[in-house]
Protein backbone atom coordinates (compact mmCIF):
# COMPACT_ATOMS: atom_id res chain seq x y z
CA MET A 1 14.27 -12.16 23.89
CA SER A 2 17.91 -11.57 23.85
CA ASP A 3 19.83 -9.85 26.49
CA SER A 4 22.07 -6.80 26.18
CA SER A 5 25.28 -8.92 26.33
CA ASP A 6 24.17 -10.84 23.13
CA LEU A 7 23.75 -7.11 21.46
CA SER A 8 27.20 -5.65 22.76
CA SER A 9 29.04 -8.92 21.35
CA LYS A 10 27.28 -8.17 17.79
CA TYR A 11 27.69 -4.59 17.41
CA THR A 12 30.34 -1.90 18.38
CA LEU A 13 29.05 1.80 18.39
CA GLN A 14 31.46 4.31 17.23
CA THR A 15 31.31 7.86 16.12
CA VAL A 16 33.79 9.88 14.02
CA GLY A 17 36.94 11.14 15.73
CA PHE A 18 37.79 14.84 16.14
CA ASP A 19 38.94 16.54 12.95
CA ALA A 20 40.79 19.69 13.45
CA ARG A 21 39.55 21.14 9.95
CA PHE A 22 36.05 21.28 11.78
CA PRO A 23 36.68 22.42 15.32
CA ASN A 24 33.22 23.89 15.97
CA THR A 25 30.22 22.09 17.10
CA ASN A 26 28.25 22.51 13.76
CA GLN A 27 29.40 19.54 11.64
CA THR A 28 27.69 20.42 8.43
CA ARG A 29 30.81 21.14 6.48
CA ASN A 30 32.51 18.01 7.98
CA CYS A 31 29.46 15.93 6.87
CA PHE A 32 29.67 17.34 3.27
CA GLN A 33 33.27 17.05 3.14
CA ASN A 34 33.37 13.50 4.04
CA TYR A 35 30.45 12.75 1.56
CA THR A 36 32.49 14.24 -1.33
CA ASP A 37 35.85 12.80 -0.18
CA TYR A 38 34.42 9.27 -0.26
CA PHE A 39 33.15 9.63 -3.89
CA LYS A 40 36.39 11.20 -4.85
CA CYS A 41 38.34 8.45 -3.32
CA VAL A 42 36.07 5.76 -5.03
CA ALA A 43 36.64 7.27 -8.43
CA ALA A 44 40.42 7.34 -7.90
CA LYS A 45 41.00 4.18 -5.99
CA GLY A 46 37.75 1.86 -6.22
CA GLU A 47 35.06 1.05 -3.79
CA ASP A 48 37.20 -1.91 -2.11
CA PHE A 49 40.11 0.54 -1.04
CA ALA A 50 39.87 0.35 2.49
CA PRO A 51 40.75 4.21 3.43
CA CYS A 52 37.53 5.09 1.25
CA LYS A 53 35.35 3.27 3.62
CA GLN A 54 36.51 5.61 6.45
CA PHE A 55 34.90 8.54 4.65
CA LYS A 56 31.75 6.62 4.12
CA LYS A 57 31.49 5.61 7.89
CA ALA A 58 32.03 9.32 8.76
CA TYR A 59 29.34 10.73 6.48
CA ASN A 60 26.81 8.04 7.61
CA SER A 61 27.56 9.14 11.03
CA LEU A 62 27.52 12.84 10.60
CA CYS A 63 24.99 13.64 7.95
CA PRO A 64 21.24 13.22 8.03
CA ASP A 65 19.91 10.52 6.05
CA ASP A 66 17.55 13.17 4.14
CA TRP A 67 20.80 14.93 2.79
CA ILE A 68 22.43 11.78 1.91
CA SER A 69 19.36 10.72 -0.27
CA LYS A 70 19.07 14.20 -1.73
CA TRP A 71 22.89 14.21 -2.75
CA ASP A 72 22.77 10.55 -4.04
CA GLU A 73 19.87 11.68 -6.35
CA ALA A 74 21.63 14.70 -7.43
CA ARG A 75 24.80 12.57 -8.40
CA GLU A 76 22.71 10.19 -10.26
CA ASN A 77 21.02 12.92 -12.02
CA GLY A 78 24.36 14.71 -12.66
CA THR A 79 23.15 17.90 -10.83
CA PHE A 80 25.42 17.34 -7.73
CA GLN A 81 26.74 20.75 -6.64
CA ALA A 82 30.34 19.92 -6.31
CA SER A 83 33.00 18.17 -8.30
CA LEU A 84 33.66 14.65 -7.57
CA GLU A 85 36.53 14.24 -9.56
CA PRO A 86 39.66 12.94 -7.75
């Protein structure tokens, strides 16, 4: 059994910082915007472009896993409801 100091040295818990575009408590639009921004960024700059990874961290923190799965499936099927062109 490891103690909590072992865990804290391995993991750093973080959440998304304040975004002035989404000042309200409901973060649904923030979640969706970060999801679409990530795939637009990847299309423009590639997966290894560090700023793109920030969008992914944000949507993974803000969005329910079920939504992400649904959107991933829609993207793969070509039926995603928004343009992901850069």
